[in-house]
mmCIF file of all heavy atoms, coordinates in Angstrom:
data_MODEL
# 
_entry.id   MODEL 
# 
loop_
_atom_site.group_PDB 
_atom_site.id 
_atom_site.type_symbol 
_atom_site.label_atom_id 
_atom_site.label_alt_id 
_atom_site.label_comp_id 
_atom_site.label_asym_id 
_atom_site.label_entity_id 
_atom_site.label_seq_id 
_atom_site.pdbx_PDB_ins_code 
_atom_site.Cartn_x 
_atom_site.Cartn_y 
_atom_site.Cartn_z 
_atom_site.occupancy 
_atom_site.B_iso_or_equiv 
_atom_site.pdbx_formal_charge 
_atom_site.auth_seq_id 
_atom_site.auth_comp_id 
_atom_site.auth_asym_id 
_atom_site.auth_atom_id 
_atom_site.pdbx_PDB_model_num 
ATOM 1   N N   . ASN A 1 1  ? 65.894 51.662 49.019 1.00 0.00 ? 1  ASN A N   1 
ATOM 2   C CA  . ASN A 1 1  ? 65.444 50.424 49.640 1.00 0.00 ? 1  ASN A CA  1 
ATOM 3   C C   . ASN A 1 1  ? 64.096 49.977 49.091 1.00 0.00 ? 1  ASN A C   1 
ATOM 4   O O   . ASN A 1 1  ? 63.790 48.789 49.041 1.00 0.00 ? 1  ASN A O   1 
ATOM 5   C CB  . ASN A 1 1  ? 65.352 50.603 51.158 1.00 0.00 ? 1  ASN A CB  1 
ATOM 6   C CG  . ASN A 1 1  ? 66.717 50.705 51.808 1.00 0.00 ? 1  ASN A CG  1 
ATOM 7   O OD1 . ASN A 1 1  ? 67.701 50.253 51.223 1.00 0.00 ? 1  ASN A OD1 1 
ATOM 8   N ND2 . ASN A 1 1  ? 66.782 51.273 52.986 1.00 0.00 ? 1  ASN A ND2 1 
ATOM 9   N N   . THR A 1 2  ? 63.233 50.928 48.672 1.00 0.00 ? 2  THR A N   1 
ATOM 10  C CA  . THR A 1 2  ? 61.914 50.558 48.167 1.00 0.00 ? 2  THR A CA  1 
ATOM 11  C C   . THR A 1 2  ? 61.978 49.803 46.854 1.00 0.00 ? 2  THR A C   1 
ATOM 12  O O   . THR A 1 2  ? 61.031 49.145 46.455 1.00 0.00 ? 2  THR A O   1 
ATOM 13  C CB  . THR A 1 2  ? 61.047 51.821 47.982 1.00 0.00 ? 2  THR A CB  1 
ATOM 14  O OG1 . THR A 1 2  ? 61.728 52.725 47.109 1.00 0.00 ? 2  THR A OG1 1 
ATOM 15  C CG2 . THR A 1 2  ? 60.794 52.495 49.316 1.00 0.00 ? 2  THR A CG2 1 
ATOM 16  N N   . ASP A 1 3  ? 63.104 49.907 46.176 1.00 0.00 ? 3  ASP A N   1 
ATOM 17  C CA  . ASP A 1 3  ? 63.266 49.219 44.885 1.00 0.00 ? 3  ASP A CA  1 
ATOM 18  C C   . ASP A 1 3  ? 63.730 47.779 45.055 1.00 0.00 ? 3  ASP A C   1 
ATOM 19  O O   . ASP A 1 3  ? 63.676 47.004 44.106 1.00 0.00 ? 3  ASP A O   1 
ATOM 20  C CB  . ASP A 1 3  ? 64.280 49.949 44.010 1.00 0.00 ? 3  ASP A CB  1 
ATOM 21  C CG  . ASP A 1 3  ? 63.809 51.334 43.608 1.00 0.00 ? 3  ASP A CG  1 
ATOM 22  O OD1 . ASP A 1 3  ? 62.603 51.522 43.433 1.00 0.00 ? 3  ASP A OD1 1 
ATOM 23  O OD2 . ASP A 1 3  ? 64.682 52.205 43.504 1.00 0.00 ? 3  ASP A OD2 1 
ATOM 24  N N   . ARG A 1 4  ? 64.187 47.403 46.200 1.00 0.00 ? 4  ARG A N   1 
ATOM 25  C CA  . ARG A 1 4  ? 64.933 46.152 46.349 1.00 0.00 ? 4  ARG A CA  1 
ATOM 26  C C   . ARG A 1 4  ? 64.119 44.904 46.035 1.00 0.00 ? 4  ARG A C   1 
ATOM 27  O O   . ARG A 1 4  ? 64.642 43.949 45.479 1.00 0.00 ? 4  ARG A O   1 
ATOM 28  C CB  . ARG A 1 4  ? 65.518 46.054 47.753 1.00 0.00 ? 4  ARG A CB  1 
ATOM 29  C CG  . ARG A 1 4  ? 66.626 47.058 48.009 1.00 0.00 ? 4  ARG A CG  1 
ATOM 30  C CD  . ARG A 1 4  ? 67.279 46.827 49.333 1.00 0.00 ? 4  ARG A CD  1 
ATOM 31  N NE  . ARG A 1 4  ? 68.496 47.634 49.440 1.00 0.00 ? 4  ARG A NE  1 
ATOM 32  C CZ  . ARG A 1 4  ? 69.520 47.343 50.240 1.00 0.00 ? 4  ARG A CZ  1 
ATOM 33  N NH1 . ARG A 1 4  ? 69.456 46.270 50.996 1.00 0.00 ? 4  ARG A NH1 1 
ATOM 34  N NH2 . ARG A 1 4  ? 70.586 48.107 50.277 1.00 0.00 ? 4  ARG A NH2 1 
ATOM 35  N N   . SER A 1 5  ? 62.873 44.890 46.399 1.00 0.00 ? 5  SER A N   1 
ATOM 36  C CA  . SER A 1 5  ? 62.075 43.680 46.186 1.00 0.00 ? 5  SER A CA  1 
ATOM 37  C C   . SER A 1 5  ? 61.869 43.384 44.708 1.00 0.00 ? 5  SER A C   1 
ATOM 38  O O   . SER A 1 5  ? 61.495 42.265 44.340 1.00 0.00 ? 5  SER A O   1 
ATOM 39  C CB  . SER A 1 5  ? 60.713 43.814 46.876 1.00 0.00 ? 5  SER A CB  1 
ATOM 40  O OG  . SER A 1 5  ? 59.968 44.879 46.288 1.00 0.00 ? 5  SER A OG  1 
ATOM 41  N N   . LYS A 1 6  ? 62.115 44.371 43.861 1.00 0.00 ? 6  LYS A N   1 
ATOM 42  C CA  . LYS A 1 6  ? 61.959 44.182 42.417 1.00 0.00 ? 6  LYS A CA  1 
ATOM 43  C C   . LYS A 1 6  ? 63.291 43.943 41.716 1.00 0.00 ? 6  LYS A C   1 
ATOM 44  O O   . LYS A 1 6  ? 63.314 43.765 40.498 1.00 0.00 ? 6  LYS A O   1 
ATOM 45  C CB  . LYS A 1 6  ? 61.278 45.419 41.816 1.00 0.00 ? 6  LYS A CB  1 
ATOM 46  C CG  . LYS A 1 6  ? 59.900 45.722 42.392 1.00 0.00 ? 6  LYS A CG  1 
ATOM 47  C CD  . LYS A 1 6  ? 59.320 46.980 41.797 1.00 0.00 ? 6  LYS A CD  1 
ATOM 48  C CE  . LYS A 1 6  ? 57.966 47.319 42.404 1.00 0.00 ? 6  LYS A CE  1 
ATOM 49  N NZ  . LYS A 1 6  ? 57.408 48.569 41.858 1.00 0.00 ? 6  LYS A NZ  1 
ATOM 50  N N   . GLN A 1 7  ? 64.376 43.969 42.465 1.00 0.00 ? 7  GLN A N   1 
ATOM 51  C CA  . GLN A 1 7  ? 65.700 43.841 41.874 1.00 0.00 ? 7  GLN A CA  1 
ATOM 52  C C   . GLN A 1 7  ? 66.192 42.396 41.980 1.00 0.00 ? 7  GLN A C   1 
ATOM 53  O O   . GLN A 1 7  ? 66.413 41.880 43.071 1.00 0.00 ? 7  GLN A O   1 
ATOM 54  C CB  . GLN A 1 7  ? 66.698 44.767 42.598 1.00 0.00 ? 7  GLN A CB  1 
ATOM 55  C CG  . GLN A 1 7  ? 66.305 46.234 42.592 1.00 0.00 ? 7  GLN A CG  1 
ATOM 56  C CD  . GLN A 1 7  ? 66.386 46.842 41.202 1.00 0.00 ? 7  GLN A CD  1 
ATOM 57  O OE1 . GLN A 1 7  ? 67.270 46.519 40.423 1.00 0.00 ? 7  GLN A OE1 1 
ATOM 58  N NE2 . GLN A 1 7  ? 65.464 47.737 40.893 1.00 0.00 ? 7  GLN A NE2 1 
ATOM 59  N N   . SER A 1 8  ? 66.346 41.730 40.837 1.00 0.00 ? 8  SER A N   1 
ATOM 60  C CA  . SER A 1 8  ? 66.850 40.355 40.842 1.00 0.00 ? 8  SER A CA  1 
ATOM 61  C C   . SER A 1 8  ? 68.347 40.340 40.573 1.00 0.00 ? 8  SER A C   1 
ATOM 62  O O   . SER A 1 8  ? 68.885 41.197 39.880 1.00 0.00 ? 8  SER A O   1 
ATOM 63  C CB  . SER A 1 8  ? 66.109 39.515 39.807 1.00 0.00 ? 8  SER A CB  1 
ATOM 64  O OG  . SER A 1 8  ? 66.385 39.977 38.498 1.00 0.00 ? 8  SER A OG  1 
ATOM 65  N N   . ILE A 1 9  ? 69.010 39.351 41.146 1.00 0.00 ? 9  ILE A N   1 
ATOM 66  C CA  . ILE A 1 9  ? 70.458 39.207 41.044 1.00 0.00 ? 9  ILE A CA  1 
ATOM 67  C C   . ILE A 1 9  ? 70.769 37.830 40.460 1.00 0.00 ? 9  ILE A C   1 
ATOM 68  O O   . ILE A 1 9  ? 70.211 36.818 40.903 1.00 0.00 ? 9  ILE A O   1 
ATOM 69  C CB  . ILE A 1 9  ? 71.122 39.341 42.431 1.00 0.00 ? 9  ILE A CB  1 
ATOM 70  C CG1 . ILE A 1 9  ? 70.833 40.713 43.035 1.00 0.00 ? 9  ILE A CG1 1 
ATOM 71  C CG2 . ILE A 1 9  ? 72.628 39.089 42.337 1.00 0.00 ? 9  ILE A CG2 1 
ATOM 72  C CD1 . ILE A 1 9  ? 71.307 40.865 44.478 1.00 0.00 ? 9  ILE A CD1 1 
ATOM 73  N N   . VAL A 1 10 ? 71.639 37.804 39.465 1.00 0.00 ? 10 VAL A N   1 
ATOM 74  C CA  . VAL A 1 10 ? 72.134 36.544 38.909 1.00 0.00 ? 10 VAL A CA  1 
ATOM 75  C C   . VAL A 1 10 ? 73.637 36.485 39.147 1.00 0.00 ? 10 VAL A C   1 
ATOM 76  O O   . VAL A 1 10 ? 74.365 37.448 38.856 1.00 0.00 ? 10 VAL A O   1 
ATOM 77  C CB  . VAL A 1 10 ? 71.839 36.406 37.407 1.00 0.00 ? 10 VAL A CB  1 
ATOM 78  C CG1 . VAL A 1 10 ? 72.413 35.104 36.866 1.00 0.00 ? 10 VAL A CG1 1 
ATOM 79  C CG2 . VAL A 1 10 ? 70.338 36.462 37.150 1.00 0.00 ? 10 VAL A CG2 1 
ATOM 80  N N   . ILE A 1 11 ? 74.090 35.370 39.685 1.00 0.00 ? 11 ILE A N   1 
ATOM 81  C CA  . ILE A 1 11 ? 75.496 35.193 40.028 1.00 0.00 ? 11 ILE A CA  1 
ATOM 82  C C   . ILE A 1 11 ? 76.041 33.986 39.283 1.00 0.00 ? 11 ILE A C   1 
ATOM 83  O O   . ILE A 1 11 ? 75.530 32.869 39.435 1.00 0.00 ? 11 ILE A O   1 
ATOM 84  C CB  . ILE A 1 11 ? 75.661 34.967 41.542 1.00 0.00 ? 11 ILE A CB  1 
ATOM 85  C CG1 . ILE A 1 11 ? 75.028 36.106 42.335 1.00 0.00 ? 11 ILE A CG1 1 
ATOM 86  C CG2 . ILE A 1 11 ? 77.151 34.816 41.904 1.00 0.00 ? 11 ILE A CG2 1 
ATOM 87  C CD1 . ILE A 1 11 ? 74.650 35.738 43.755 1.00 0.00 ? 11 ILE A CD1 1 
ATOM 88  N N   . LEU A 1 12 ? 77.045 34.205 38.456 1.00 0.00 ? 12 LEU A N   1 
ATOM 89  C CA  . LEU A 1 12 ? 77.749 33.107 37.790 1.00 0.00 ? 12 LEU A CA  1 
ATOM 90  C C   . LEU A 1 12 ? 78.988 32.772 38.608 1.00 0.00 ? 12 LEU A C   1 
ATOM 91  O O   . LEU A 1 12 ? 79.788 33.653 38.923 1.00 0.00 ? 12 LEU A O   1 
ATOM 92  C CB  . LEU A 1 12 ? 78.163 33.531 36.378 1.00 0.00 ? 12 LEU A CB  1 
ATOM 93  C CG  . LEU A 1 12 ? 79.068 32.552 35.619 1.00 0.00 ? 12 LEU A CG  1 
ATOM 94  C CD1 . LEU A 1 12 ? 78.324 31.269 35.286 1.00 0.00 ? 12 LEU A CD1 1 
ATOM 95  C CD2 . LEU A 1 12 ? 79.619 33.198 34.350 1.00 0.00 ? 12 LEU A CD2 1 
ATOM 96  N N   . THR A 1 13 ? 79.134 31.498 38.968 1.00 0.00 ? 13 THR A N   1 
ATOM 97  C CA  . THR A 1 13 ? 80.335 31.097 39.703 1.00 0.00 ? 13 THR A CA  1 
ATOM 98  C C   . THR A 1 13 ? 81.093 30.020 38.927 1.00 0.00 ? 13 THR A C   1 
ATOM 99  O O   . THR A 1 13 ? 80.504 29.195 38.233 1.00 0.00 ? 13 THR A O   1 
ATOM 100 C CB  . THR A 1 13 ? 80.018 30.567 41.119 1.00 0.00 ? 13 THR A CB  1 
ATOM 101 O OG1 . THR A 1 13 ? 79.245 29.351 41.034 1.00 0.00 ? 13 THR A OG1 1 
ATOM 102 C CG2 . THR A 1 13 ? 79.252 31.600 41.926 1.00 0.00 ? 13 THR A CG2 1 
ATOM 103 N N   . GLY A 1 14 ? 82.416 30.078 39.069 1.00 0.00 ? 14 GLY A N   1 
ATOM 104 C CA  . GLY A 1 14 ? 83.297 29.105 38.437 1.00 0.00 ? 14 GLY A CA  1 
ATOM 105 C C   . GLY A 1 14 ? 84.234 28.476 39.448 1.00 0.00 ? 14 GLY A C   1 
ATOM 106 O O   . GLY A 1 14 ? 84.086 28.658 40.663 1.00 0.00 ? 14 GLY A O   1 
ATOM 107 N N   . ALA A 1 15 ? 85.220 27.774 38.951 1.00 0.00 ? 15 ALA A N   1 
ATOM 108 C CA  . ALA A 1 15 ? 86.099 26.980 39.806 1.00 0.00 ? 15 ALA A CA  1 
ATOM 109 C C   . ALA A 1 15 ? 86.846 27.822 40.833 1.00 0.00 ? 15 ALA A C   1 
ATOM 110 O O   . ALA A 1 15 ? 87.226 27.317 41.888 1.00 0.00 ? 15 ALA A O   1 
ATOM 111 C CB  . ALA A 1 15 ? 87.100 26.220 38.938 1.00 0.00 ? 15 ALA A CB  1 
ATOM 112 N N   . GLY A 1 16 ? 87.036 29.121 40.537 1.00 0.00 ? 16 GLY A N   1 
ATOM 113 C CA  . GLY A 1 16 ? 87.787 29.970 41.448 1.00 0.00 ? 16 GLY A CA  1 
ATOM 114 C C   . GLY A 1 16 ? 87.168 30.094 42.830 1.00 0.00 ? 16 GLY A C   1 
ATOM 115 O O   . GLY A 1 16 ? 87.897 30.273 43.809 1.00 0.00 ? 16 GLY A O   1 
ATOM 116 N N   . ILE A 1 17 ? 85.841 29.989 42.936 1.00 0.00 ? 17 ILE A N   1 
ATOM 117 C CA  . ILE A 1 17 ? 85.223 30.141 44.252 1.00 0.00 ? 17 ILE A CA  1 
ATOM 118 C C   . ILE A 1 17 ? 85.406 28.871 45.092 1.00 0.00 ? 17 ILE A C   1 
ATOM 119 O O   . ILE A 1 17 ? 85.414 28.928 46.322 1.00 0.00 ? 17 ILE A O   1 
ATOM 120 C CB  . ILE A 1 17 ? 83.729 30.507 44.147 1.00 0.00 ? 17 ILE A CB  1 
ATOM 121 C CG1 . ILE A 1 17 ? 83.211 31.036 45.490 1.00 0.00 ? 17 ILE A CG1 1 
ATOM 122 C CG2 . ILE A 1 17 ? 82.899 29.332 43.649 1.00 0.00 ? 17 ILE A CG2 1 
ATOM 123 C CD1 . ILE A 1 17 ? 81.828 31.647 45.428 1.00 0.00 ? 17 ILE A CD1 1 
ATOM 124 N N   . SER A 1 18 ? 85.587 27.727 44.437 1.00 0.00 ? 18 SER A N   1 
ATOM 125 C CA  . SER A 1 18 ? 85.767 26.476 45.179 1.00 0.00 ? 18 SER A CA  1 
ATOM 126 C C   . SER A 1 18 ? 87.231 26.138 45.424 1.00 0.00 ? 18 SER A C   1 
ATOM 127 O O   . SER A 1 18 ? 87.537 25.259 46.233 1.00 0.00 ? 18 SER A O   1 
ATOM 128 C CB  . SER A 1 18 ? 85.097 25.315 44.434 1.00 0.00 ? 18 SER A CB  1 
ATOM 129 O OG  . SER A 1 18 ? 83.696 25.485 44.391 1.00 0.00 ? 18 SER A OG  1 
ATOM 130 N N   . LYS A 1 19 ? 88.140 26.827 44.748 1.00 0.00 ? 19 LYS A N   1 
ATOM 131 C CA  . LYS A 1 19 ? 89.561 26.535 44.917 1.00 0.00 ? 19 LYS A CA  1 
ATOM 132 C C   . LYS A 1 19 ? 90.005 26.731 46.356 1.00 0.00 ? 19 LYS A C   1 
ATOM 133 O O   . LYS A 1 19 ? 90.795 25.934 46.887 1.00 0.00 ? 19 LYS A O   1 
ATOM 134 C CB  . LYS A 1 19 ? 90.391 27.429 43.985 1.00 0.00 ? 19 LYS A CB  1 
ATOM 135 C CG  . LYS A 1 19 ? 91.893 27.146 44.062 1.00 0.00 ? 19 LYS A CG  1 
ATOM 136 C CD  . LYS A 1 19 ? 92.659 27.991 43.063 1.00 0.00 ? 19 LYS A CD  1 
ATOM 137 C CE  . LYS A 1 19 ? 94.156 27.647 43.112 1.00 0.00 ? 19 LYS A CE  1 
ATOM 138 N NZ  . LYS A 1 19 ? 94.916 28.448 42.125 1.00 0.00 ? 19 LYS A NZ  1 
ATOM 139 N N   . GLU A 1 20 ? 89.473 27.769 47.005 1.00 0.00 ? 20 GLU A N   1 
ATOM 140 C CA  . GLU A 1 20 ? 89.882 28.028 48.385 1.00 0.00 ? 20 GLU A CA  1 
ATOM 141 C C   . GLU A 1 20 ? 89.290 27.037 49.380 1.00 0.00 ? 20 GLU A C   1 
ATOM 142 O O   . GLU A 1 20 ? 89.653 27.034 50.545 1.00 0.00 ? 20 GLU A O   1 
ATOM 143 C CB  . GLU A 1 20 ? 89.508 29.460 48.773 1.00 0.00 ? 20 GLU A CB  1 
ATOM 144 C CG  . GLU A 1 20 ? 90.335 30.500 48.039 1.00 0.00 ? 20 GLU A CG  1 
ATOM 145 C CD  . GLU A 1 20 ? 89.969 31.910 48.442 1.00 0.00 ? 20 GLU A CD  1 
ATOM 146 O OE1 . GLU A 1 20 ? 90.401 32.341 49.534 1.00 0.00 ? 20 GLU A OE1 1 
ATOM 147 O OE2 . GLU A 1 20 ? 89.234 32.574 47.684 1.00 0.00 ? 20 GLU A OE2 1 
ATOM 148 N N   . SER A 1 21 ? 88.389 26.175 48.898 1.00 0.00 ? 21 SER A N   1 
ATOM 149 C CA  . SER A 1 21 ? 87.888 25.077 49.724 1.00 0.00 ? 21 SER A CA  1 
ATOM 150 C C   . SER A 1 21 ? 88.728 23.821 49.529 1.00 0.00 ? 21 SER A C   1 
ATOM 151 O O   . SER A 1 21 ? 88.455 22.794 50.154 1.00 0.00 ? 21 SER A O   1 
ATOM 152 C CB  . SER A 1 21 ? 86.421 24.785 49.375 1.00 0.00 ? 21 SER A CB  1 
ATOM 153 O OG  . SER A 1 21 ? 85.588 25.834 49.806 1.00 0.00 ? 21 SER A OG  1 
ATOM 154 N N   . GLY A 1 22 ? 89.707 23.884 48.628 1.00 0.00 ? 22 GLY A N   1 
ATOM 155 C CA  . GLY A 1 22 ? 90.607 22.754 48.419 1.00 0.00 ? 22 GLY A CA  1 
ATOM 156 C C   . GLY A 1 22 ? 90.316 21.939 47.182 1.00 0.00 ? 22 GLY A C   1 
ATOM 157 O O   . GLY A 1 22 ? 90.966 20.907 46.962 1.00 0.00 ? 22 GLY A O   1 
ATOM 158 N N   . LEU A 1 23 ? 89.379 22.380 46.348 1.00 0.00 ? 23 LEU A N   1 
ATOM 159 C CA  . LEU A 1 23 ? 89.084 21.643 45.110 1.00 0.00 ? 23 LEU A CA  1 
ATOM 160 C C   . LEU A 1 23 ? 89.930 22.184 43.969 1.00 0.00 ? 23 LEU A C   1 
ATOM 161 O O   . LEU A 1 23 ? 90.112 23.397 43.846 1.00 0.00 ? 23 LEU A O   1 
ATOM 162 C CB  . LEU A 1 23 ? 87.598 21.759 44.759 1.00 0.00 ? 23 LEU A CB  1 
ATOM 163 C CG  . LEU A 1 23 ? 86.629 21.088 45.745 1.00 0.00 ? 23 LEU A CG  1 
ATOM 164 C CD1 . LEU A 1 23 ? 85.198 21.280 45.277 1.00 0.00 ? 23 LEU A CD1 1 
ATOM 165 C CD2 . LEU A 1 23 ? 86.941 19.596 45.879 1.00 0.00 ? 23 LEU A CD2 1 
ATOM 166 N N   . ASP A 1 24 ? 90.400 21.291 43.118 1.00 0.00 ? 24 ASP A N   1 
ATOM 167 C CA  . ASP A 1 24 ? 91.256 21.684 42.009 1.00 0.00 ? 24 ASP A CA  1 
ATOM 168 C C   . ASP A 1 24 ? 90.477 22.489 40.974 1.00 0.00 ? 24 ASP A C   1 
ATOM 169 O O   . ASP A 1 24 ? 89.312 22.222 40.696 1.00 0.00 ? 24 ASP A O   1 
ATOM 170 C CB  . ASP A 1 24 ? 91.837 20.444 41.314 1.00 0.00 ? 24 ASP A CB  1 
ATOM 171 C CG  . ASP A 1 24 ? 92.823 19.697 42.195 1.00 0.00 ? 24 ASP A CG  1 
ATOM 172 O OD1 . ASP A 1 24 ? 93.426 20.330 43.080 1.00 0.00 ? 24 ASP A OD1 1 
ATOM 173 O OD2 . ASP A 1 24 ? 92.972 18.478 41.978 1.00 0.00 ? 24 ASP A OD2 1 
# 
């Protein structure tokens, strides 16, 4: 847990995450 403030996260998202919201 002491390392967490120094750990950065990058997330790439594509069309698949919006498909379940009804977007083509």
